[in-house]
C-alpha cells in the first residue's frame, strides 16, 4: 500500500456561474461540468461576491440583469477586492447593447457572450480564457 500522496493529480479550473435564472445557471453549469471544469454557482451579485472571495475561481461568468445589484455593479464590486480583482470575467447576457459591451470592456471583462448563445461558443470562450490564464 502506497501512503505517499500523489501530487501529480491535476485539479480542474473552477468556474463560477452567476445568473438569477435557475434554468440558465443549471444549463451553463452542466455544460462546463461535462467539459471537466469544477463549477460553483451563485444566483445573485451578493452571493457571487461572497463565494468568489471564499472559493477564488479561475473564471466568472456573470449575467447582467439580476434583481437587486445588477451584474455591472457586481463586476465593479468584485474588482475592489484585491484577492479576486484579477479573476477573468465574461459577461453572459441577453442585453447586447454597444454601451454595455463598452462598459464591460472598461471594467476589464475578457469577453461578452450574448444570450441566446451556441454551446460551442460558450465552450470556446471559456477554454480560450482558461488556457490564456495558465
Protein backbone atom coordinates (compact mmCIF):
# COMPACT_ATOMS: atom_id res chain seq x y z
CA UNK A 1 0.00 0.00 0.00
CA UNK A 2 1.39 3.40 -1.03
CA UNK A 3 0.90 6.01 1.70
CA UNK A 4 2.66 8.79 -0.19
CA UNK A 5 0.21 11.35 -1.58
CA UNK A 6 0.05 11.65 -5.36
CA UNK A 7 0.73 15.31 -6.09
CA UNK A 8 0.58 14.78 -9.84
CA UNK A 9 -3.21 14.94 -9.84
CA UNK A 10 -4.35 17.92 -11.85
CA UNK A 11 -7.10 19.98 -10.28
CA UNK A 12 -9.53 21.30 -12.87
CA UNK A 13 -10.09 25.06 -13.05
CA UNK A 14 -13.05 26.39 -11.10
CA UNK A 15 -15.62 28.47 -12.93
CA UNK A 16 -18.29 30.49 -11.16
CA UNK A 17 -21.63 30.84 -12.97
CA UNK A 18 -23.67 33.82 -11.80
CA UNK A 19 -27.25 34.05 -13.07
CA UNK A 20 -30.56 34.58 -11.29
CA UNK A 21 -32.33 32.32 -13.83
CA UNK A 22 -32.13 28.82 -12.32
CA UNK A 23 -32.55 27.07 -15.68
CA UNK A 24 -29.85 29.12 -17.41
CA UNK A 25 -27.45 28.70 -14.49
CA UNK A 26 -28.07 24.95 -14.46
CA UNK A 27 -27.58 24.60 -18.23
CA UNK A 28 -24.32 26.57 -18.28
CA UNK A 29 -23.04 24.71 -15.23
CA UNK A 30 -23.81 21.30 -16.70
CA UNK A 31 -22.11 22.14 -20.00
CA UNK A 32 -18.99 23.23 -18.13
CA UNK A 33 -19.01 20.19 -15.83
CA UNK A 34 -19.20 17.96 -18.89
CA UNK A 35 -16.08 19.76 -20.15
CA UNK A 36 -14.28 18.76 -16.94
CA UNK A 37 -14.40 22.05 -15.03
CA UNK A 38 -15.28 22.43 -11.38
CA UNK A 39 -18.33 24.69 -11.25
CA UNK A 40 -19.66 26.84 -8.46
CA UNK A 41 -22.91 28.77 -8.76
CA UNK A 42 -24.42 31.99 -7.47
CA UNK A 43 -27.94 33.33 -8.01
CA UNK A 44 -27.22 36.95 -7.08
CA UNK A 45 -24.46 39.54 -7.16
CA UNK A 46 -24.06 39.46 -3.38
CA UNK A 47 -23.78 35.68 -3.32
CA UNK A 48 -21.26 35.81 -6.19
CA UNK A 49 -19.04 38.31 -4.42
CA UNK A 50 -19.13 36.31 -1.18
CA UNK A 51 -18.44 32.96 -2.86
CA UNK A 52 -15.73 34.39 -5.12
CA UNK A 53 -13.83 35.65 -2.07
CA UNK A 54 -14.08 32.21 -0.44
CA UNK A 55 -13.50 30.00 -3.48
CA UNK A 56 -11.20 32.12 -5.68
CA UNK A 57 -12.48 30.85 -9.04
CA UNK A 58 -10.35 30.86 -12.19
CA UNK A 59 -13.16 32.49 -14.21
CA UNK A 60 -16.51 34.15 -13.51
CA UNK A 61 -19.41 34.03 -15.98
CA UNK A 62 -21.68 36.91 -14.99
CA UNK A 63 -25.21 37.80 -16.05
CA UNK A 64 -26.05 41.49 -16.17
CA UNK A 65 -29.79 41.57 -15.50
CA UNK A 66 -30.31 40.38 -11.95
CA UNK A 67 -32.61 41.67 -9.23
CA UNK A 68 -31.02 43.84 -6.57
CA UNK A 69 -27.46 44.58 -7.59
CA UNK A 70 -27.07 44.13 -11.33
CA UNK A 71 -24.14 42.37 -12.95
CA UNK A 72 -22.23 45.52 -13.87
CA UNK A 73 -22.30 46.78 -10.28
CA UNK A 74 -21.28 43.29 -9.16
CA UNK A 75 -18.35 43.42 -11.54
CA UNK A 76 -17.11 46.73 -10.13
CA UNK A 77 -17.58 45.36 -6.62
CA UNK A 78 -15.52 42.25 -7.44
CA UNK A 79 -12.77 44.47 -8.86
CA UNK A 80 -12.48 46.29 -5.49
CA UNK A 81 -11.25 43.13 -3.74
CA UNK A 82 -7.54 42.54 -4.20
CA UNK A 83 -7.95 38.76 -3.80
CA UNK A 84 -10.29 38.44 -6.79
CA UNK A 85 -9.66 41.63 -8.78
CA UNK A 86 -7.64 39.78 -11.41
CA UNK A 87 -10.10 36.92 -11.90
CA UNK A 88 -11.21 36.98 -15.55
CA UNK A 89 -14.90 37.82 -16.02
CA UNK A 90 -17.08 37.10 -19.04
CA UNK A 91 -20.48 38.73 -19.30
CA UNK A 92 -23.25 36.36 -20.40
CA UNK A 93 -26.34 38.44 -21.05
CA UNK A 94 -29.42 38.91 -23.19
CA UNK A 95 -28.64 42.64 -23.18
CA UNK A 96 -26.32 43.20 -26.10
CA UNK A 97 -26.03 46.96 -26.48
CA UNK A 98 -22.80 48.61 -27.58
CA UNK A 99 -22.66 50.78 -24.45
CA UNK A 100 -22.91 47.70 -22.18
CA UNK A 101 -20.11 45.98 -24.08
CA UNK A 102 -18.00 49.14 -23.80
CA UNK A 103 -18.65 49.42 -20.05
CA UNK A 104 -17.81 45.75 -19.58
CA UNK A 105 -14.58 46.18 -21.52
CA UNK A 106 -13.69 49.25 -19.45
CA UNK A 107 -14.16 47.15 -16.31
CA UNK A 108 -11.70 44.61 -17.67
CA UNK A 109 -14.06 41.91 -18.91
CA UNK A 110 -12.37 39.27 -21.01
CA UNK A 111 -15.46 38.55 -23.10
CA UNK A 112 -19.13 39.10 -23.74
CA UNK A 113 -21.49 36.30 -24.76
CA UNK A 114 -24.96 37.28 -25.91
CA UNK A 115 -27.95 35.13 -24.96
CA UNK A 116 -29.15 33.08 -26.63
CA UNK A 117 -25.79 31.56 -27.48
CA UNK A 118 -24.45 28.41 -29.05
CA UNK A 119 -23.00 25.95 -26.54
CA UNK A 120 -19.88 25.64 -28.71
CA UNK A 121 -19.35 29.41 -28.41
CA UNK A 122 -19.55 29.20 -24.62
CA UNK A 123 -17.10 26.30 -24.50
CA UNK A 124 -14.66 28.03 -26.87
CA UNK A 125 -14.66 31.32 -24.93
CA UNK A 126 -14.17 29.54 -21.60
CA UNK A 127 -11.44 27.28 -22.97
CA UNK A 128 -9.58 30.23 -24.51
CA UNK A 129 -9.64 32.30 -21.32
CA UNK A 130 -8.63 29.39 -19.10
CA UNK A 131 -5.74 28.49 -21.42
CA UNK A 132 -4.59 32.13 -21.51
CA UNK A 133 -4.64 32.23 -17.70
CA UNK A 134 -2.37 29.24 -17.25
